[in-house]
Amino acid sequence: SVYAIETTQIQVKSNFTNGWGYQG
């Protein structure tokens, strides 16, 4: 928890499935 950096979820496209998803 001391070294954790907050992340924001963004929408990304997968190279493998060609589908969209979210990544921190």
mmCIF file of all heavy atoms, coordinates in Angstrom:
data_MODEL
# 
_entry.id   MODEL 
# 
loop_
_atom_site.group_PDB 
_atom_site.id 
_atom_site.type_symbol 
_atom_site.label_atom_id 
_atom_site.label_alt_id 
_atom_site.label_comp_id 
_atom_site.label_asym_id 
_atom_site.label_entity_id 
_atom_site.label_seq_id 
_atom_site.pdbx_PDB_ins_code 
_atom_site.Cartn_x 
_atom_site.Cartn_y 
_atom_site.Cartn_z 
_atom_site.occupancy 
_atom_site.B_iso_or_equiv 
_atom_site.pdbx_formal_charge 
_atom_site.auth_seq_id 
_atom_site.auth_comp_id 
_atom_site.auth_asym_id 
_atom_site.auth_atom_id 
_atom_site.pdbx_PDB_model_num 
ATOM 1   N N   . SER A 1 1  ? 0.825   -1.209  0.000   1.00 0.00 ? 1  SER A N   1 
ATOM 2   C CA  . SER A 1 1  ? 0.000   0.000   0.000   1.00 0.00 ? 1  SER A CA  1 
ATOM 3   C C   . SER A 1 1  ? 0.857   1.256   0.000   1.00 0.00 ? 1  SER A C   1 
ATOM 4   O O   . SER A 1 1  ? 0.464   2.284   -0.534  1.00 0.00 ? 1  SER A O   1 
ATOM 5   C CB  . SER A 1 1  ? -0.956  0.008   1.190   1.00 0.00 ? 1  SER A CB  1 
ATOM 6   O OG  . SER A 1 1  ? -0.220  0.080   2.398   1.00 0.00 ? 1  SER A OG  1 
ATOM 7   N N   . VAL A 1 2  ? 2.050   1.191   0.561   1.00 0.00 ? 2  VAL A N   1 
ATOM 8   C CA  . VAL A 1 2  ? 2.947   2.350   0.571   1.00 0.00 ? 2  VAL A CA  1 
ATOM 9   C C   . VAL A 1 2  ? 3.461   2.635   -0.825  1.00 0.00 ? 2  VAL A C   1 
ATOM 10  O O   . VAL A 1 2  ? 3.542   3.781   -1.260  1.00 0.00 ? 2  VAL A O   1 
ATOM 11  C CB  . VAL A 1 2  ? 4.131   2.113   1.539   1.00 0.00 ? 2  VAL A CB  1 
ATOM 12  C CG1 . VAL A 1 2  ? 5.200   3.172   1.374   1.00 0.00 ? 2  VAL A CG1 1 
ATOM 13  C CG2 . VAL A 1 2  ? 3.643   2.053   2.969   1.00 0.00 ? 2  VAL A CG2 1 
ATOM 14  N N   . TYR A 1 3  ? 3.805   1.598   -1.587  1.00 0.00 ? 3  TYR A N   1 
ATOM 15  C CA  . TYR A 1 3  ? 4.407   1.772   -2.899  1.00 0.00 ? 3  TYR A CA  1 
ATOM 16  C C   . TYR A 1 3  ? 3.409   1.663   -4.045  1.00 0.00 ? 3  TYR A C   1 
ATOM 17  O O   . TYR A 1 3  ? 3.795   1.715   -5.198  1.00 0.00 ? 3  TYR A O   1 
ATOM 18  C CB  . TYR A 1 3  ? 5.538   0.754   -3.098  1.00 0.00 ? 3  TYR A CB  1 
ATOM 19  C CG  . TYR A 1 3  ? 6.687   1.007   -2.173  1.00 0.00 ? 3  TYR A CG  1 
ATOM 20  C CD1 . TYR A 1 3  ? 6.902   0.201   -1.067  1.00 0.00 ? 3  TYR A CD1 1 
ATOM 21  C CD2 . TYR A 1 3  ? 7.529   2.082   -2.382  1.00 0.00 ? 3  TYR A CD2 1 
ATOM 22  C CE1 . TYR A 1 3  ? 7.950   0.444   -0.209  1.00 0.00 ? 3  TYR A CE1 1 
ATOM 23  C CE2 . TYR A 1 3  ? 8.578   2.334   -1.530  1.00 0.00 ? 3  TYR A CE2 1 
ATOM 24  C CZ  . TYR A 1 3  ? 8.788   1.513   -0.438  1.00 0.00 ? 3  TYR A CZ  1 
ATOM 25  O OH  . TYR A 1 3  ? 9.817   1.765   0.410   1.00 0.00 ? 3  TYR A OH  1 
ATOM 26  N N   . ALA A 1 4  ? 2.155   1.507   -3.739  1.00 0.00 ? 4  ALA A N   1 
ATOM 27  C CA  . ALA A 1 4  ? 1.146   1.359   -4.786  1.00 0.00 ? 4  ALA A CA  1 
ATOM 28  C C   . ALA A 1 4  ? 0.905   2.696   -5.478  1.00 0.00 ? 4  ALA A C   1 
ATOM 29  O O   . ALA A 1 4  ? 0.892   3.740   -4.848  1.00 0.00 ? 4  ALA A O   1 
ATOM 30  C CB  . ALA A 1 4  ? -0.159  0.848   -4.202  1.00 0.00 ? 4  ALA A CB  1 
ATOM 31  N N   . ILE A 1 5  ? 0.743   2.647   -6.788  1.00 0.00 ? 5  ILE A N   1 
ATOM 32  C CA  . ILE A 1 5  ? 0.418   3.829   -7.572  1.00 0.00 ? 5  ILE A CA  1 
ATOM 33  C C   . ILE A 1 5  ? -0.985  3.632   -8.107  1.00 0.00 ? 5  ILE A C   1 
ATOM 34  O O   . ILE A 1 5  ? -1.301  2.583   -8.656  1.00 0.00 ? 5  ILE A O   1 
ATOM 35  C CB  . ILE A 1 5  ? 1.425   4.013   -8.731  1.00 0.00 ? 5  ILE A CB  1 
ATOM 36  C CG1 . ILE A 1 5  ? 2.818   4.245   -8.177  1.00 0.00 ? 5  ILE A CG1 1 
ATOM 37  C CG2 . ILE A 1 5  ? 0.995   5.154   -9.636  1.00 0.00 ? 5  ILE A CG2 1 
ATOM 38  C CD1 . ILE A 1 5  ? 3.891   4.272   -9.239  1.00 0.00 ? 5  ILE A CD1 1 
ATOM 39  N N   . GLU A 1 6  ? -1.814  4.630   -7.910  1.00 0.00 ? 6  GLU A N   1 
ATOM 40  C CA  . GLU A 1 6  ? -3.184  4.514   -8.386  1.00 0.00 ? 6  GLU A CA  1 
ATOM 41  C C   . GLU A 1 6  ? -3.203  4.364   -9.899  1.00 0.00 ? 6  GLU A C   1 
ATOM 42  O O   . GLU A 1 6  ? -2.361  4.908   -10.600 1.00 0.00 ? 6  GLU A O   1 
ATOM 43  C CB  . GLU A 1 6  ? -3.969  5.761   -8.010  1.00 0.00 ? 6  GLU A CB  1 
ATOM 44  C CG  . GLU A 1 6  ? -4.264  5.891   -6.538  1.00 0.00 ? 6  GLU A CG  1 
ATOM 45  C CD  . GLU A 1 6  ? -5.126  7.097   -6.261  1.00 0.00 ? 6  GLU A CD  1 
ATOM 46  O OE1 . GLU A 1 6  ? -6.167  7.251   -6.922  1.00 0.00 ? 6  GLU A OE1 1 
ATOM 47  O OE2 . GLU A 1 6  ? -4.731  7.880   -5.403  1.00 0.00 ? 6  GLU A OE2 1 
ATOM 48  N N   . THR A 1 7  ? -4.173  3.633   -10.384 1.00 0.00 ? 7  THR A N   1 
ATOM 49  C CA  . THR A 1 7  ? -4.320  3.479   -11.822 1.00 0.00 ? 7  THR A CA  1 
ATOM 50  C C   . THR A 1 7  ? -5.704  3.946   -12.249 1.00 0.00 ? 7  THR A C   1 
ATOM 51  O O   . THR A 1 7  ? -6.636  3.970   -11.457 1.00 0.00 ? 7  THR A O   1 
ATOM 52  C CB  . THR A 1 7  ? -4.130  2.014   -12.265 1.00 0.00 ? 7  THR A CB  1 
ATOM 53  O OG1 . THR A 1 7  ? -5.103  1.204   -11.606 1.00 0.00 ? 7  THR A OG1 1 
ATOM 54  C CG2 . THR A 1 7  ? -2.746  1.510   -11.943 1.00 0.00 ? 7  THR A CG2 1 
ATOM 55  N N   . THR A 1 8  ? -5.799  4.340   -13.486 1.00 0.00 ? 8  THR A N   1 
ATOM 56  C CA  . THR A 1 8  ? -7.059  4.721   -14.102 1.00 0.00 ? 8  THR A CA  1 
ATOM 57  C C   . THR A 1 8  ? -7.369  3.689   -15.176 1.00 0.00 ? 8  THR A C   1 
ATOM 58  O O   . THR A 1 8  ? -6.483  3.277   -15.913 1.00 0.00 ? 8  THR A O   1 
ATOM 59  C CB  . THR A 1 8  ? -6.928  6.116   -14.740 1.00 0.00 ? 8  THR A CB  1 
ATOM 60  O OG1 . THR A 1 8  ? -6.603  7.051   -13.721 1.00 0.00 ? 8  THR A OG1 1 
ATOM 61  C CG2 . THR A 1 8  ? -8.207  6.533   -15.425 1.00 0.00 ? 8  THR A CG2 1 
ATOM 62  N N   . GLN A 1 9  ? -8.602  3.266   -15.259 1.00 0.00 ? 9  GLN A N   1 
ATOM 63  C CA  . GLN A 1 9  ? -8.992  2.281   -16.258 1.00 0.00 ? 9  GLN A CA  1 
ATOM 64  C C   . GLN A 1 9  ? -9.229  2.980   -17.599 1.00 0.00 ? 9  GLN A C   1 
ATOM 65  O O   . GLN A 1 9  ? -9.960  3.958   -17.671 1.00 0.00 ? 9  GLN A O   1 
ATOM 66  C CB  . GLN A 1 9  ? -10.277 1.563   -15.820 1.00 0.00 ? 9  GLN A CB  1 
ATOM 67  C CG  . GLN A 1 9  ? -10.110 0.742   -14.559 1.00 0.00 ? 9  GLN A CG  1 
ATOM 68  C CD  . GLN A 1 9  ? -9.177  -0.430  -14.759 1.00 0.00 ? 9  GLN A CD  1 
ATOM 69  O OE1 . GLN A 1 9  ? -9.242  -1.117  -15.768 1.00 0.00 ? 9  GLN A OE1 1 
ATOM 70  N NE2 . GLN A 1 9  ? -8.304  -0.654  -13.792 1.00 0.00 ? 9  GLN A NE2 1 
ATOM 71  N N   . ILE A 1 10 ? -8.560  2.486   -18.649 1.00 0.00 ? 10 ILE A N   1 
ATOM 72  C CA  . ILE A 1 10 ? -8.763  3.024   -19.991 1.00 0.00 ? 10 ILE A CA  1 
ATOM 73  C C   . ILE A 1 10 ? -9.195  1.887   -20.909 1.00 0.00 ? 10 ILE A C   1 
ATOM 74  O O   . ILE A 1 10 ? -8.889  0.720   -20.667 1.00 0.00 ? 10 ILE A O   1 
ATOM 75  C CB  . ILE A 1 10 ? -7.506  3.712   -20.559 1.00 0.00 ? 10 ILE A CB  1 
ATOM 76  C CG1 . ILE A 1 10 ? -6.356  2.715   -20.684 1.00 0.00 ? 10 ILE A CG1 1 
ATOM 77  C CG2 . ILE A 1 10 ? -7.117  4.911   -19.728 1.00 0.00 ? 10 ILE A CG2 1 
ATOM 78  C CD1 . ILE A 1 10 ? -5.210  3.231   -21.502 1.00 0.00 ? 10 ILE A CD1 1 
ATOM 79  N N   . GLN A 1 11 ? -9.889  2.231   -21.976 1.00 0.00 ? 11 GLN A N   1 
ATOM 80  C CA  . GLN A 1 11 ? -10.345 1.225   -22.920 1.00 0.00 ? 11 GLN A CA  1 
ATOM 81  C C   . GLN A 1 11 ? -9.228  0.937   -23.922 1.00 0.00 ? 11 GLN A C   1 
ATOM 82  O O   . GLN A 1 11 ? -8.637  1.852   -24.490 1.00 0.00 ? 11 GLN A O   1 
ATOM 83  C CB  . GLN A 1 11 ? -11.594 1.711   -23.649 1.00 0.00 ? 11 GLN A CB  1 
ATOM 84  C CG  . GLN A 1 11 ? -12.311 0.626   -24.388 1.00 0.00 ? 11 GLN A CG  1 
ATOM 85  C CD  . GLN A 1 11 ? -13.634 1.091   -24.959 1.00 0.00 ? 11 GLN A CD  1 
ATOM 86  O OE1 . GLN A 1 11 ? -13.834 2.275   -25.165 1.00 0.00 ? 11 GLN A OE1 1 
ATOM 87  N NE2 . GLN A 1 11 ? -14.526 0.152   -25.207 1.00 0.00 ? 11 GLN A NE2 1 
ATOM 88  N N   . VAL A 1 12 ? -8.911  -0.346  -24.098 1.00 0.00 ? 12 VAL A N   1 
ATOM 89  C CA  . VAL A 1 12 ? -7.843  -0.756  -25.006 1.00 0.00 ? 12 VAL A CA  1 
ATOM 90  C C   . VAL A 1 12 ? -8.344  -1.869  -25.922 1.00 0.00 ? 12 VAL A C   1 
ATOM 91  O O   . VAL A 1 12 ? -9.269  -2.595  -25.587 1.00 0.00 ? 12 VAL A O   1 
ATOM 92  C CB  . VAL A 1 12 ? -6.596  -1.249  -24.236 1.00 0.00 ? 12 VAL A CB  1 
ATOM 93  C CG1 . VAL A 1 12 ? -5.960  -0.141  -23.437 1.00 0.00 ? 12 VAL A CG1 1 
ATOM 94  C CG2 . VAL A 1 12 ? -6.943  -2.419  -23.330 1.00 0.00 ? 12 VAL A CG2 1 
ATOM 95  N N   . LYS A 1 13 ? -7.701  -1.985  -27.093 1.00 0.00 ? 13 LYS A N   1 
ATOM 96  C CA  . LYS A 1 13 ? -8.063  -3.034  -28.045 1.00 0.00 ? 13 LYS A CA  1 
ATOM 97  C C   . LYS A 1 13 ? -7.014  -4.134  -27.989 1.00 0.00 ? 13 LYS A C   1 
ATOM 98  O O   . LYS A 1 13 ? -5.817  -3.859  -28.046 1.00 0.00 ? 13 LYS A O   1 
ATOM 99  C CB  . LYS A 1 13 ? -8.156  -2.469  -29.464 1.00 0.00 ? 13 LYS A CB  1 
ATOM 100 C CG  . LYS A 1 13 ? -8.706  -3.454  -30.453 1.00 0.00 ? 13 LYS A CG  1 
ATOM 101 C CD  . LYS A 1 13 ? -9.020  -2.807  -31.778 1.00 0.00 ? 13 LYS A CD  1 
ATOM 102 C CE  . LYS A 1 13 ? -9.677  -3.819  -32.688 1.00 0.00 ? 13 LYS A CE  1 
ATOM 103 N NZ  . LYS A 1 13 ? -10.011 -3.234  -33.973 1.00 0.00 ? 13 LYS A NZ  1 
ATOM 104 N N   . SER A 1 14 ? -7.457  -5.370  -27.897 1.00 0.00 ? 14 SER A N   1 
ATOM 105 C CA  . SER A 1 14 ? -6.563  -6.515  -27.810 1.00 0.00 ? 14 SER A CA  1 
ATOM 106 C C   . SER A 1 14 ? -5.998  -6.853  -29.186 1.00 0.00 ? 14 SER A C   1 
ATOM 107 O O   . SER A 1 14 ? -6.717  -6.867  -30.178 1.00 0.00 ? 14 SER A O   1 
ATOM 108 C CB  . SER A 1 14 ? -7.310  -7.718  -27.254 1.00 0.00 ? 14 SER A CB  1 
ATOM 109 O OG  . SER A 1 14 ? -6.518  -8.878  -27.371 1.00 0.00 ? 14 SER A OG  1 
ATOM 110 N N   . ASN A 1 15 ? -4.700  -7.148  -29.243 1.00 0.00 ? 15 ASN A N   1 
ATOM 111 C CA  . ASN A 1 15 ? -4.075  -7.597  -30.484 1.00 0.00 ? 15 ASN A CA  1 
ATOM 112 C C   . ASN A 1 15 ? -4.447  -9.037  -30.800 1.00 0.00 ? 15 ASN A C   1 
ATOM 113 O O   . ASN A 1 15 ? -4.375  -9.468  -31.945 1.00 0.00 ? 15 ASN A O   1 
ATOM 114 C CB  . ASN A 1 15 ? -2.551  -7.497  -30.383 1.00 0.00 ? 15 ASN A CB  1 
ATOM 115 C CG  . ASN A 1 15 ? -2.082  -6.072  -30.413 1.00 0.00 ? 15 ASN A CG  1 
ATOM 116 O OD1 . ASN A 1 15 ? -2.769  -5.191  -30.903 1.00 0.00 ? 15 ASN A OD1 1 
ATOM 117 N ND2 . ASN A 1 15 ? -0.904  -5.842  -29.874 1.00 0.00 ? 15 ASN A ND2 1 
ATOM 118 N N   . PHE A 1 16 ? -4.819  -9.793  -29.778 1.00 0.00 ? 16 PHE A N   1 
ATOM 119 C CA  . PHE A 1 16 ? -5.090  -11.215 -29.968 1.00 0.00 ? 16 PHE A CA  1 
ATOM 120 C C   . PHE A 1 16 ? -6.539  -11.484 -30.368 1.00 0.00 ? 16 PHE A C   1 
ATOM 121 O O   . PHE A 1 16 ? -6.803  -12.261 -31.260 1.00 0.00 ? 16 PHE A O   1 
ATOM 122 C CB  . PHE A 1 16 ? -4.740  -11.982 -28.697 1.00 0.00 ? 16 PHE A CB  1 
ATOM 123 C CG  . PHE A 1 16 ? -3.312  -11.818 -28.302 1.00 0.00 ? 16 PHE A CG  1 
ATOM 124 C CD1 . PHE A 1 16 ? -2.966  -11.068 -27.197 1.00 0.00 ? 16 PHE A CD1 1 
ATOM 125 C CD2 . PHE A 1 16 ? -2.290  -12.400 -29.044 1.00 0.00 ? 16 PHE A CD2 1 
ATOM 126 C CE1 . PHE A 1 16 ? -1.646  -10.901 -26.827 1.00 0.00 ? 16 PHE A CE1 1 
ATOM 127 C CE2 . PHE A 1 16 ? -0.970  -12.243 -28.694 1.00 0.00 ? 16 PHE A CE2 1 
ATOM 128 C CZ  . PHE A 1 16 ? -0.638  -11.490 -27.580 1.00 0.00 ? 16 PHE A CZ  1 
ATOM 129 N N   . THR A 1 17 ? -7.478  -10.843 -29.687 1.00 0.00 ? 17 THR A N   1 
ATOM 130 C CA  . THR A 1 17 ? -8.896  -11.138 -29.939 1.00 0.00 ? 17 THR A CA  1 
ATOM 131 C C   . THR A 1 17 ? -9.569  -10.083 -30.801 1.00 0.00 ? 17 THR A C   1 
ATOM 132 O O   . THR A 1 17 ? -10.696 -10.269 -31.220 1.00 0.00 ? 17 THR A O   1 
ATOM 133 C CB  . THR A 1 17 ? -9.664  -11.233 -28.620 1.00 0.00 ? 17 THR A CB  1 
ATOM 134 O OG1 . THR A 1 17 ? -9.639  -9.955  -27.969 1.00 0.00 ? 17 THR A OG1 1 
ATOM 135 C CG2 . THR A 1 17 ? -9.080  -12.300 -27.710 1.00 0.00 ? 17 THR A CG2 1 
ATOM 136 N N   . ASN A 1 18 ? -8.905  -8.957  -31.034 1.00 0.00 ? 18 ASN A N   1 
ATOM 137 C CA  . ASN A 1 18 ? -9.481  -7.819  -31.760 1.00 0.00 ? 18 ASN A CA  1 
ATOM 138 C C   . ASN A 1 18 ? -10.674 -7.211  -31.035 1.00 0.00 ? 18 ASN A C   1 
ATOM 139 O O   . ASN A 1 18 ? -11.391 -6.406  -31.586 1.00 0.00 ? 18 ASN A O   1 
ATOM 140 C CB  . ASN A 1 18 ? -9.886  -8.198  -33.186 1.00 0.00 ? 18 ASN A CB  1 
ATOM 141 C CG  . ASN A 1 18 ? -8.958  -7.586  -34.202 1.00 0.00 ? 18 ASN A CG  1 
ATOM 142 O OD1 . ASN A 1 18 ? -8.072  -6.810  -33.854 1.00 0.00 ? 18 ASN A OD1 1 
ATOM 143 N ND2 . ASN A 1 18 ? -9.158  -7.922  -35.453 1.00 0.00 ? 18 ASN A ND2 1 
ATOM 144 N N   . GLY A 1 19 ? -10.890 -7.614  -29.794 1.00 0.00 ? 19 GLY A N   1 
ATOM 145 C CA  . GLY A 1 19 ? -11.982 -7.063  -29.006 1.00 0.00 ? 19 GLY A CA  1 
ATOM 146 C C   . GLY A 1 19 ? -11.491 -5.949  -28.094 1.00 0.00 ? 19 GLY A C   1 
ATOM 147 O O   . GLY A 1 19 ? -10.297 -5.751  -27.913 1.00 0.00 ? 19 GLY A O   1 
ATOM 148 N N   . TRP A 1 20 ? -12.429 -5.220  -27.541 1.00 0.00 ? 20 TRP A N   1 
ATOM 149 C CA  . TRP A 1 20 ? -12.103 -4.110  -26.645 1.00 0.00 ? 20 TRP A CA  1 
ATOM 150 C C   . TRP A 1 20 ? -12.257 -4.548  -25.200 1.00 0.00 ? 20 TRP A C   1 
ATOM 151 O O   . TRP A 1 20 ? -13.113 -5.352  -24.867 1.00 0.00 ? 20 TRP A O   1 
ATOM 152 C CB  . TRP A 1 20 ? -13.012 -2.920  -26.928 1.00 0.00 ? 20 TRP A CB  1 
ATOM 153 C CG  . TRP A 1 20 ? -12.674 -2.262  -28.223 1.00 0.00 ? 20 TRP A CG  1 
ATOM 154 C CD1 . TRP A 1 20 ? -13.171 -2.575  -29.446 1.00 0.00 ? 20 TRP A CD1 1 
ATOM 155 C CD2 . TRP A 1 20 ? -11.750 -1.202  -28.421 1.00 0.00 ? 20 TRP A CD2 1 
ATOM 156 N NE1 . TRP A 1 20 ? -12.616 -1.775  -30.406 1.00 0.00 ? 20 TRP A NE1 1 
ATOM 157 C CE2 . TRP A 1 20 ? -11.741 -0.911  -29.803 1.00 0.00 ? 20 TRP A CE2 1 
ATOM 158 C CE3 . TRP A 1 20 ? -10.934 -0.468  -27.591 1.00 0.00 ? 20 TRP A CE3 1 
ATOM 159 C CZ2 . TRP A 1 20 ? -10.940 0.087   -30.352 1.00 0.00 ? 20 TRP A CZ2 1 
ATOM 160 C CZ3 . TRP A 1 20 ? -10.145 0.525   -28.140 1.00 0.00 ? 20 TRP A CZ3 1 
ATOM 161 C CH2 . TRP A 1 20 ? -10.146 0.791   -29.503 1.00 0.00 ? 20 TRP A CH2 1 
ATOM 162 N N   . GLY A 1 21 ? -11.432 -3.995  -24.329 1.00 0.00 ? 21 GLY A N   1 
ATOM 163 C CA  . GLY A 1 21 ? -11.496 -4.282  -22.901 1.00 0.00 ? 21 GLY A CA  1 
ATOM 164 C C   . GLY A 1 21 ? -10.926 -3.106  -22.122 1.00 0.00 ? 21 GLY A C   1 
ATOM 165 O O   . GLY A 1 21 ? -10.653 -2.044  -22.696 1.00 0.00 ? 21 GLY A O   1 
ATOM 166 N N   . TYR A 1 22 ? -10.739 -3.285  -20.836 1.00 0.00 ? 22 TYR A N   1 
ATOM 167 C CA  . TYR A 1 22 ? -10.203 -2.222  -19.988 1.00 0.00 ? 22 TYR A CA  1 
ATOM 168 C C   . TYR A 1 22 ? -8.908  -2.679  -19.349 1.00 0.00 ? 22 TYR A C   1 
ATOM 169 O O   . TYR A 1 22 ? -8.720  -3.861  -19.051 1.00 0.00 ? 22 TYR A O   1 
ATOM 170 C CB  . TYR A 1 22 ? -11.212 -1.831  -18.916 1.00 0.00 ? 22 TYR A CB  1 
ATOM 171 C CG  . TYR A 1 22 ? -12.388 -1.088  -19.483 1.00 0.00 ? 22 TYR A CG  1 
ATOM 172 C CD1 . TYR A 1 22 ? -13.516 -1.759  -19.916 1.00 0.00 ? 22 TYR A CD1 1 
ATOM 173 C CD2 . TYR A 1 22 ? -12.346 0.280   -19.621 1.00 0.00 ? 22 TYR A CD2 1 
ATOM 174 C CE1 . TYR A 1 22 ? -14.593 -1.088  -20.463 1.00 0.00 ? 22 TYR A CE1 1 
ATOM 175 C CE2 . TYR A 1 22 ? -13.409 0.978   -20.169 1.00 0.00 ? 22 TYR A CE2 1 
ATOM 176 C CZ  . TYR A 1 22 ? -14.524 0.292   -20.582 1.00 0.00 ? 22 TYR A CZ  1 
ATOM 177 O OH  . TYR A 1 22 ? -15.572 0.972   -21.122 1.00 0.00 ? 22 TYR A OH  1 
ATOM 178 N N   . GLN A 1 23 ? -8.000  -1.720  -19.156 1.00 0.00 ? 23 GLN A N   1 
ATOM 179 C CA  . GLN A 1 23 ? -6.716  -2.007  -18.542 1.00 0.00 ? 23 GLN A CA  1 
ATOM 180 C C   . GLN A 1 23 ? -6.338  -0.851  -17.627 1.00 0.00 ? 23 GLN A C   1 
ATOM 181 O O   . GLN A 1 23 ? -6.584  0.315   -17.947 1.00 0.00 ? 23 GLN A O   1 
ATOM 182 C CB  . GLN A 1 23 ? -5.653  -2.179  -19.624 1.00 0.00 ? 23 GLN A CB  1 
ATOM 183 C CG  . GLN A 1 23 ? -4.280  -2.485  -19.079 1.00 0.00 ? 23 GLN A CG  1 
ATOM 184 C CD  . GLN A 1 23 ? -3.284  -2.754  -20.191 1.00 0.00 ? 23 GLN A CD  1 
ATOM 185 O OE1 . GLN A 1 23 ? -3.650  -2.994  -21.335 1.00 0.00 ? 23 GLN A OE1 1 
ATOM 186 N NE2 . GLN A 1 23 ? -2.020  -2.706  -19.855 1.00 0.00 ? 23 GLN A NE2 1 
ATOM 187 N N   . GLY A 1 24 ? -5.711  -1.167  -16.495 1.00 0.00 ? 24 GLY A N   1 
ATOM 188 C CA  . GLY A 1 24 ? -5.245  -0.130  -15.582 1.00 0.00 ? 24 GLY A CA  1 
ATOM 189 C C   . GLY A 1 24 ? -4.019  0.571   -16.136 1.00 0.00 ? 24 GLY A C   1 
ATOM 190 O O   . GLY A 1 24 ? -3.107  -0.065  -16.652 1.00 0.00 ? 24 GLY A O   1 
# 
